[in-house]
Amino acid sequence: MISEFSEPFLLEAERHAAWGAAQLEALNAFLPDGPWSADLPSCLYRQGGLELRAAVLGTYDTDERSWMWGWANPGLRGSEVVALTAAIERYGRAHGIPELTAEAVDLSGFEDPRRAAEMLAFTGMGVAEAPGYMGLPAGPGTRVYFLPDDPRVPRAALDPVTLPRTLLTGAGLIGHSARHVVGGYFDHHGVSHRTEGDRIVAGLPGGNAAEVGFDALGRIAGVEVKVLP
């Protein structure tokens, strides 16, 4: 039983915090309201009349307070519906992140096991480079998490105007390493950036630029965006 996540996991989670939060907003705006259903052999997820290709990311047992990755599920292992999430396990092995390689993660030692499960889902989404995730009740004591695997799901773009809010929101999600949040966001969008003392300087699309400053505690102290007319 663990009571906190490992340092490699937390740093990986931070890399996805800013763009992942923005992407979840885009996905939630795209999905229609309505009941959901899934056809796992066909890799299809349906909600409110919309049908998407999807993968099973994992499941959370609310009674046992444990998480199981989709690739480790005995009933799904090796099937097409978990092919996307199998990449998460390979990434975890390559980067030494134990939470991504364990078939099941006991979260009962955490102060908030449900939030810990959401962090695993969020980080898995980021590692798989999926455009969001859906976490839904699937019977008594169980929540199932899907990754959309469909090109119709909109991708949240880098917007210089909303960049300060995006970075600050991402930095506030986990609160472990704001520098990893900022660097991960620029990496995700393919933006070149460099560290200059207590700042990260990035060249934005269209010739614009951004400077993100950090205070002595490593928190974001300010975001300055220079937008060309």
C-alpha atoms as a PDB file:
ATOM      1  CA  MET A   1       0.000   0.000   0.000  1.00  0.00           C
ATOM      2  CA  ILE A   2       1.289   3.461  -0.880  1.00  0.00           C
ATOM      3  CA  SER A   3       0.234   6.794   0.584  1.00  0.00           C
ATOM      4  CA  GLU A   4       1.802   9.067  -2.014  1.00  0.00           C
ATOM      5  CA  PHE A   5       2.939   8.921  -5.610  1.00  0.00           C
ATOM      6  CA  SER A   6       6.582   8.525  -6.583  1.00  0.00           C
ATOM      7  CA  GLU A   7       8.682  11.478  -7.726  1.00  0.00           C
ATOM      8  CA  PRO A   8       8.951  10.179 -11.339  1.00  0.00           C
ATOM      9  CA  PHE A   9       5.162   9.855 -11.505  1.00  0.00           C
ATOM     10  CA  LEU A  10       4.512  13.322 -10.096  1.00  0.00           C
ATOM     11  CA  LEU A  11       6.931  14.942 -12.546  1.00  0.00           C
ATOM     12  CA  GLU A  12       5.304  13.069 -15.424  1.00  0.00           C
ATOM     13  CA  ALA A  13       1.851  14.145 -14.243  1.00  0.00           C
ATOM     14  CA  GLU A  14       2.987  17.780 -14.097  1.00  0.00           C
ATOM     15  CA  ARG A  15       4.226  17.636 -17.697  1.00  0.00           C
ATOM     16  CA  HIS A  16       0.625  17.078 -18.809  1.00  0.00           C
ATOM     17  CA  ALA A  17      -1.149  19.336 -16.316  1.00  0.00           C
ATOM     18  CA  ALA A  18      -1.652  22.511 -18.354  1.00  0.00           C
ATOM     19  CA  TRP A  19      -2.440  21.102 -21.771  1.00  0.00           C
ATOM     20  CA  GLY A  20      -4.399  18.231 -20.221  1.00  0.00           C
ATOM     21  CA  ALA A  21      -6.689  20.551 -18.273  1.00  0.00           C
ATOM     22  CA  ALA A  22      -7.336  22.602 -21.413  1.00  0.00           C
ATOM     23  CA  GLN A  23      -7.968  19.437 -23.405  1.00  0.00           C
ATOM     24  CA  LEU A  24     -10.495  18.122 -20.910  1.00  0.00           C
ATOM     25  CA  GLU A  25     -12.390  21.404 -21.256  1.00  0.00           C
ATOM     26  CA  ALA A  26     -12.441  20.934 -25.032  1.00  0.00           C
ATOM     27  CA  LEU A  27     -13.625  17.330 -24.731  1.00  0.00           C
ATOM     28  CA  ASN A  28     -16.390  18.163 -22.259  1.00  0.00           C
ATOM     29  CA  ALA A  29     -17.632  20.931 -24.538  1.00  0.00           C
ATOM     30  CA  PHE A  30     -17.655  18.482 -27.465  1.00  0.00           C
ATOM     31  CA  LEU A  31     -19.479  15.586 -25.790  1.00  0.00           C
ATOM     32  CA  PRO A  32     -23.281  15.884 -25.821  1.00  0.00           C
ATOM     33  CA  ASP A  33     -25.323  15.323 -22.709  1.00  0.00           C
ATOM     34  CA  GLY A  34     -27.042  11.993 -22.399  1.00  0.00           C
ATOM     35  CA  PRO A  35     -26.620   8.406 -21.248  1.00  0.00           C
ATOM     36  CA  TRP A  36     -23.562   6.440 -22.269  1.00  0.00           C
ATOM     37  CA  SER A  37     -22.887   2.913 -23.445  1.00  0.00           C
ATOM     38  CA  ALA A  38     -19.910   1.034 -24.834  1.00  0.00           C
ATOM     39  CA  ASP A  39     -19.309  -1.859 -27.215  1.00  0.00           C
ATOM     40  CA  LEU A  40     -15.867  -3.029 -26.116  1.00  0.00           C
ATOM     41  CA  PRO A  41     -15.200  -5.608 -28.883  1.00  0.00           C
ATOM     42  CA  SER A  42     -15.916  -2.876 -31.441  1.00  0.00           C
ATOM     43  CA  CYS A  43     -13.989  -0.182 -29.493  1.00  0.00           C
ATOM     44  CA  LEU A  44     -17.036   2.076 -29.610  1.00  0.00           C
ATOM     45  CA  TYR A  45     -18.264   4.555 -27.005  1.00  0.00           C
ATOM     46  CA  ARG A  46     -21.676   6.213 -27.324  1.00  0.00           C
ATOM     47  CA  GLN A  47     -23.029   9.239 -25.494  1.00  0.00           C
ATOM     48  CA  GLY A  48     -26.052  11.355 -26.288  1.00  0.00           C
ATOM     49  CA  GLY A  49     -26.273  10.129 -29.869  1.00  0.00           C
ATOM     50  CA  LEU A  50     -22.552  10.561 -30.585  1.00  0.00           C
ATOM     51  CA  GLU A  51     -20.476   7.484 -31.355  1.00  0.00           C
ATOM     52  CA  LEU A  52     -16.701   7.559 -30.929  1.00  0.00           C
ATOM     53  CA  ARG A  53     -13.878   5.092 -31.207  1.00  0.00           C
ATOM     54  CA  ALA A  54     -12.444   4.657 -27.718  1.00  0.00           C
ATOM     55  CA  ALA A  55     -10.069   2.597 -25.590  1.00  0.00           C
ATOM     56  CA  VAL A  56     -10.391   1.372 -22.023  1.00  0.00           C
ATOM     57  CA  LEU A  57      -7.904   3.307 -19.905  1.00  0.00           C
ATOM     58  CA  GLY A  58      -8.602   1.637 -16.568  1.00  0.00           C
ATOM     59  CA  THR A  59     -11.074   0.940 -13.806  1.00  0.00           C
ATOM     60  CA  TYR A  60     -11.350   2.158 -10.225  1.00  0.00           C
ATOM     61  CA  ASP A  61     -12.861  -0.056  -7.536  1.00  0.00           C
ATOM     62  CA  THR A  62     -14.464   2.380  -5.084  1.00  0.00           C
ATOM     63  CA  ASP A  63     -14.872  -0.313  -2.411  1.00  0.00           C
ATOM     64  CA  GLU A  64     -11.337  -1.695  -2.555  1.00  0.00           C
ATOM     65  CA  ARG A  65      -9.980   1.755  -3.470  1.00  0.00           C
ATOM     66  CA  SER A  66      -7.725   0.290  -6.124  1.00  0.00           C
ATOM     67  CA  TRP A  67      -6.936   1.148  -9.733  1.00  0.00           C
ATOM     68  CA  MET A  68      -6.387  -1.370 -12.543  1.00  0.00           C
ATOM     69  CA  TRP A  69      -4.959  -0.351 -15.913  1.00  0.00           C
ATOM     70  CA  GLY A  70      -6.915  -1.422 -18.971  1.00  0.00           C
ATOM     71  CA  TRP A  71      -3.939  -3.302 -20.393  1.00  0.00           C
ATOM     72  CA  ALA A  72      -3.818  -5.402 -17.205  1.00  0.00           C
ATOM     73  CA  ASN A  73      -7.524  -6.306 -17.089  1.00  0.00           C
ATOM     74  CA  PRO A  74      -7.695 -10.129 -17.394  1.00  0.00           C
ATOM     75  CA  GLY A  75     -10.828  -9.938 -19.513  1.00  0.00           C
ATOM     76  CA  LEU A  76      -9.369  -7.369 -21.924  1.00  0.00           C
ATOM     77  CA  ARG A  77      -5.635  -8.078 -21.972  1.00  0.00           C
ATOM     78  CA  GLY A  78      -4.295  -8.262 -25.523  1.00  0.00           C
ATOM     79  CA  SER A  79      -7.536  -7.059 -27.129  1.00  0.00           C
ATOM     80  CA  GLU A  80      -7.887  -4.101 -29.470  1.00  0.00           C
ATOM     81  CA  VAL A  81      -9.791  -2.010 -26.931  1.00  0.00           C
ATOM     82  CA  VAL A  82      -6.699  -1.765 -24.687  1.00  0.00           C
ATOM     83  CA  ALA A  83      -4.066  -1.512 -27.442  1.00  0.00           C
ATOM     84  CA  LEU A  84      -3.761   2.262 -26.950  1.00  0.00           C
ATOM     85  CA  THR A  85      -3.309   1.966 -23.201  1.00  0.00           C
ATOM     86  CA  ALA A  86      -0.646  -0.725 -23.538  1.00  0.00           C
ATOM     87  CA  ALA A  87       1.652   2.113 -24.613  1.00  0.00           C
ATOM     88  CA  ILE A  88       1.328   3.547 -21.086  1.00  0.00           C
ATOM     89  CA  GLU A  89       2.929   0.442 -19.584  1.00  0.00           C
ATOM     90  CA  ARG A  90       5.764   0.525 -22.134  1.00  0.00           C
ATOM     91  CA  TYR A  91       6.371   4.211 -21.399  1.00  0.00           C
ATOM     92  CA  GLY A  92       6.447   3.523 -17.672  1.00  0.00           C
ATOM     93  CA  ARG A  93       9.091   0.838 -18.085  1.00  0.00           C
ATOM     94  CA  ALA A  94      11.213   3.024 -20.341  1.00  0.00           C
ATOM     95  CA  HIS A  95      11.097   5.950 -17.885  1.00  0.00           C
ATOM     96  CA  GLY A  96      11.113   4.138 -14.552  1.00  0.00           C
ATOM     97  CA  ILE A  97       7.606   5.135 -13.414  1.00  0.00           C
ATOM     98  CA  PRO A  98       6.286   2.328 -11.180  1.00  0.00           C
ATOM     99  CA  GLU A  99       2.665   3.524 -11.085  1.00  0.00           C
ATOM    100  CA  LEU A 100       2.427   3.037 -14.858  1.00  0.00           C
ATOM    101  CA  THR A 101       3.840  -0.490 -14.848  1.00  0.00           C
ATOM    102  CA  ALA A 102       1.955  -2.005 -11.897  1.00  0.00           C
ATOM    103  CA  GLU A 103      -1.109  -3.922 -13.074  1.00  0.00           C
ATOM    104  CA  ALA A 104      -3.067  -2.613 -10.084  1.00  0.00           C
ATOM    105  CA  VAL A 105      -2.331   0.317  -7.777  1.00  0.00           C
ATOM    106  CA  ASP A 106      -3.607   0.187  -4.183  1.00  0.00           C
ATOM    107  CA  LEU A 107      -4.814   3.699  -3.361  1.00  0.00           C
ATOM    108  CA  SER A 108      -6.320   2.972   0.055  1.00  0.00           C
ATOM    109  CA  GLY A 109      -3.423   4.711   1.800  1.00  0.00           C
ATOM    110  CA  PHE A 110      -4.136   8.050   0.144  1.00  0.00           C
ATOM    111  CA  GLU A 111      -6.078  10.731   1.973  1.00  0.00           C
ATOM    112  CA  ASP A 112      -8.357  11.014  -1.082  1.00  0.00           C
ATOM    113  CA  PRO A 113      -8.220   7.735  -3.074  1.00  0.00           C
ATOM    114  CA  ARG A 114     -10.751   8.953  -5.640  1.00  0.00           C
ATOM    115  CA  ARG A 115      -8.583  11.974  -6.472  1.00  0.00           C
ATOM    116  CA  ALA A 116      -5.552   9.678  -6.711  1.00  0.00           C
ATOM    117  CA  ALA A 117      -7.440   7.541  -9.235  1.00  0.00           C
ATOM    118  CA  GLU A 118      -8.229  10.651 -11.264  1.00  0.00           C
ATOM    119  CA  MET A 119      -4.518  11.537 -11.254  1.00  0.00           C
ATOM    120  CA  LEU A 120      -3.674   8.122 -12.652  1.00  0.00           C
ATOM    121  CA  ALA A 121      -6.314   8.543 -15.360  1.00  0.00           C
ATOM    122  CA  PHE A 122      -5.128  12.069 -16.140  1.00  0.00           C
ATOM    123  CA  THR A 123      -1.491  11.019 -16.412  1.00  0.00           C
ATOM    124  CA  GLY A 124      -2.377   7.977 -18.494  1.00  0.00           C
ATOM    125  CA  MET A 125      -4.271  10.269 -20.854  1.00  0.00           C
ATOM    126  CA  GLY A 126      -1.190  12.435 -21.188  1.00  0.00           C
ATOM    127  CA  VAL A 127       1.241   9.587 -21.777  1.00  0.00           C
ATOM    128  CA  ALA A 128      -1.073   8.123 -24.429  1.00  0.00           C
ATOM    129  CA  GLU A 129      -1.442  11.614 -25.976  1.00  0.00           C
ATOM    130  CA  ALA A 130      -5.193  11.119 -26.009  1.00  0.00           C
ATOM    131  CA  PRO A 131      -7.606  14.068 -26.331  1.00  0.00           C
ATOM    132  CA  GLY A 132      -9.070  13.661 -22.863  1.00  0.00           C
ATOM    133  CA  TYR A 133     -10.690  10.881 -20.864  1.00  0.00           C
ATOM    134  CA  MET A 134     -14.170   9.947 -19.659  1.00  0.00           C
ATOM    135  CA  GLY A 135     -14.674   8.539 -16.145  1.00  0.00           C
ATOM    136  CA  LEU A 136     -18.092   6.975 -15.583  1.00  0.00           C
ATOM    137  CA  PRO A 137     -19.953   4.778 -13.086  1.00  0.00           C
ATOM    138  CA  ALA A 138     -20.159   1.195 -14.353  1.00  0.00           C
ATOM    139  CA  GLY A 139     -22.128  -0.581 -11.673  1.00  0.00           C
ATOM    140  CA  PRO A 140     -21.953  -0.708  -7.886  1.00  0.00           C
ATOM    141  CA  GLY A 141     -18.478   0.115  -6.641  1.00  0.00           C
ATOM    142  CA  THR A 142     -16.848   0.526 -10.052  1.00  0.00           C
ATOM    143  CA  ARG A 143     -15.870   3.410 -12.293  1.00  0.00           C
ATOM    144  CA  VAL A 144     -14.547   2.827 -15.792  1.00  0.00           C
ATOM    145  CA  TYR A 145     -12.308   5.254 -17.662  1.00  0.00           C
ATOM    146  CA  PHE A 146     -12.179   5.566 -21.457  1.00  0.00           C
ATOM    147  CA  LEU A 147      -9.780   7.365 -23.762  1.00  0.00           C
ATOM    148  CA  PRO A 148     -11.309   8.831 -26.932  1.00  0.00           C
ATOM    149  CA  ASP A 149      -9.366   7.554 -29.946  1.00  0.00           C
ATOM    150  CA  ASP A 150     -11.192   9.451 -32.653  1.00  0.00           C
ATOM    151  CA  PRO A 151      -9.945  12.292 -34.904  1.00  0.00           C
ATOM    152  CA  ARG A 152     -13.247  14.124 -34.581  1.00  0.00           C
ATOM    153  CA  VAL A 153     -12.488  15.085 -30.978  1.00  0.00           C
ATOM    154  CA  PRO A 154     -11.168  18.678 -31.090  1.00  0.00           C
ATOM    155  CA  ARG A 155      -7.663  19.382 -29.809  1.00  0.00           C
ATOM    156  CA  ALA A 156      -7.130  22.437 -27.606  1.00  0.00           C
ATOM    157  CA  ALA A 157      -4.723  24.768 -29.410  1.00  0.00           C
ATOM    158  CA  LEU A 158      -2.133  27.086 -27.906  1.00  0.00           C
ATOM    159  CA  ASP A 159      -3.738  30.517 -27.602  1.00  0.00           C
ATOM    160  CA  PRO A 160      -1.358  33.351 -26.662  1.00  0.00           C
ATOM    161  CA  VAL A 161      -4.247  35.365 -25.219  1.00  0.00           C
ATOM    162  CA  THR A 162      -5.317  32.669 -22.754  1.00  0.00           C
ATOM    163  CA  LEU A 163      -1.794  31.299 -22.164  1.00  0.00           C
ATOM    164  CA  PRO A 164      -1.333  32.900 -18.695  1.00  0.00           C
ATOM    165  CA  ARG A 165      -4.596  31.434 -17.410  1.00  0.00           C
ATOM    166  CA  THR A 166      -3.821  28.043 -18.978  1.00  0.00           C
ATOM    167  CA  LEU A 167      -0.394  27.796 -17.335  1.00  0.00           C
ATOM    168  CA  LEU A 168      -1.583  29.055 -13.947  1.00  0.00           C
ATOM    169  CA  THR A 169      -4.526  26.645 -13.974  1.00  0.00           C
ATOM    170  CA  GLY A 170      -2.224  23.751 -14.825  1.00  0.00           C
ATOM    171  CA  ALA A 171       0.289  24.715 -12.139  1.00  0.00           C
ATOM    172  CA  GLY A 172      -2.478  24.740  -9.538  1.00  0.00           C
ATOM    173  CA  LEU A 173      -3.751  21.225 -10.263  1.00  0.00           C
ATOM    174  CA  ILE A 174      -0.994  19.237  -8.579  1.00  0.00           C
ATOM    175  CA  GLY A 175       1.351  21.874  -7.176  1.00  0.00           C
ATOM    176  CA  HIS A 176       4.537  19.814  -7.349  1.00  0.00           C
ATOM    177  CA  SER A 177       6.667  21.378 -10.112  1.00  0.00           C
ATOM    178  CA  ALA A 178       5.486  24.436 -12.000  1.00  0.00           C
ATOM    179  CA  ARG A 179       8.573  24.282 -14.228  1.00  0.00           C
ATOM    180  CA  HIS A 180       7.529  20.842 -15.459  1.00  0.00           C
ATOM    181  CA  VAL A 181       4.026  22.168 -16.097  1.00  0.00           C
ATOM    182  CA  VAL A 182       5.340  24.988 -18.280  1.00  0.00           C
ATOM    183  CA  GLY A 183       7.990  22.935 -20.061  1.00  0.00           C
ATOM    184  CA  GLY A 184       5.546  20.103 -20.679  1.00  0.00           C
ATOM    185  CA  TYR A 185       2.966  22.466 -22.135  1.00  0.00           C
ATOM    186  CA  PHE A 186       5.421  23.930 -24.623  1.00  0.00           C
ATOM    187  CA  ASP A 187       6.770  20.463 -25.465  1.00  0.00           C
ATOM    188  CA  HIS A 188       3.258  19.209 -26.179  1.00  0.00           C
ATOM    189  CA  HIS A 189       2.646  22.014 -28.639  1.00  0.00           C
ATOM    190  CA  GLY A 190       6.063  21.679 -30.263  1.00  0.00           C
ATOM    191  CA  VAL A 191       7.173  25.113 -29.100  1.00  0.00           C
ATOM    192  CA  SER A 192      10.899  25.720 -28.650  1.00  0.00           C
ATOM    193  CA  HIS A 193      11.812  27.051 -25.208  1.00  0.00           C
ATOM    194  CA  ARG A 194      14.853  27.618 -23.039  1.00  0.00           C
ATOM    195  CA  THR A 195      15.630  28.271 -19.393  1.00  0.00           C
ATOM    196  CA  GLU A 196      17.216  31.598 -18.485  1.00  0.00           C
ATOM    197  CA  GLY A 197      17.803  31.720 -14.732  1.00  0.00           C
ATOM    198  CA  ASP A 198      14.418  32.001 -13.068  1.00  0.00           C
ATOM    199  CA  ARG A 199      12.535  32.211 -16.376  1.00  0.00           C
ATOM    200  CA  ILE A 200      11.419  29.962 -19.212  1.00  0.00           C
ATOM    201  CA  VAL A 201      11.387  31.790 -22.527  1.00  0.00           C
ATOM    202  CA  ALA A 202       9.417  30.380 -25.457  1.00  0.00           C
ATOM    203  CA  GLY A 203       8.980  31.364 -29.068  1.00  0.00           C
ATOM    204  CA  LEU A 204       5.284  31.135 -29.909  1.00  0.00           C
ATOM    205  CA  PRO A 205       3.732  30.597 -33.337  1.00  0.00           C
ATOM    206  CA  GLY A 206       3.511  33.683 -35.537  1.00  0.00           C
ATOM    207  CA  GLY A 207       6.628  35.249 -34.084  1.00  0.00           C
ATOM    208  CA  ASN A 208       5.064  35.924 -30.683  1.00  0.00           C
ATOM    209  CA  ALA A 209       7.003  35.186 -27.493  1.00  0.00           C
ATOM    210  CA  ALA A 210       6.285  34.222 -23.893  1.00  0.00           C
ATOM    211  CA  GLU A 211       8.319  34.612 -20.718  1.00  0.00           C
ATOM    212  CA  VAL A 212       7.314  32.682 -17.620  1.00  0.00           C
ATOM    213  CA  GLY A 213       8.965  33.766 -14.369  1.00  0.00           C
ATOM    214  CA  PHE A 214       9.281  31.706 -11.188  1.00  0.00           C
ATOM    215  CA  ASP A 215       9.678  32.818  -7.578  1.00  0.00           C
ATOM    216  CA  ALA A 216      12.123  31.468  -4.996  1.00  0.00           C
ATOM    217  CA  LEU A 217       9.728  28.605  -4.175  1.00  0.00           C
ATOM    218  CA  GLY A 218       9.453  27.553  -7.814  1.00  0.00           C
ATOM    219  CA  ARG A 219       5.933  28.896  -8.289  1.00  0.00           C
ATOM    220  CA  ILE A 220       4.871  30.838 -11.368  1.00  0.00           C
ATOM    221  CA  ALA A 221       5.435  34.502 -10.535  1.00  0.00           C
ATOM    222  CA  GLY A 222       4.209  35.912 -13.824  1.00  0.00           C
ATOM    223  CA  VAL A 223       3.505  35.148 -17.469  1.00  0.00           C
ATOM    224  CA  GLU A 224       4.310  37.818 -20.031  1.00  0.00           C
ATOM    225  CA  VAL A 225       3.111  37.280 -23.605  1.00  0.00           C
ATOM    226  CA  LYS A 226       4.395  39.551 -26.357  1.00  0.00           C
ATOM    227  CA  VAL A 227       1.856  39.436 -29.164  1.00  0.00           C
ATOM    228  CA  LEU A 228       2.802  40.958 -32.487  1.00  0.00           C
ATOM    229  CA  PRO A 229       0.231  43.269 -34.074  1.00  0.00           C
END
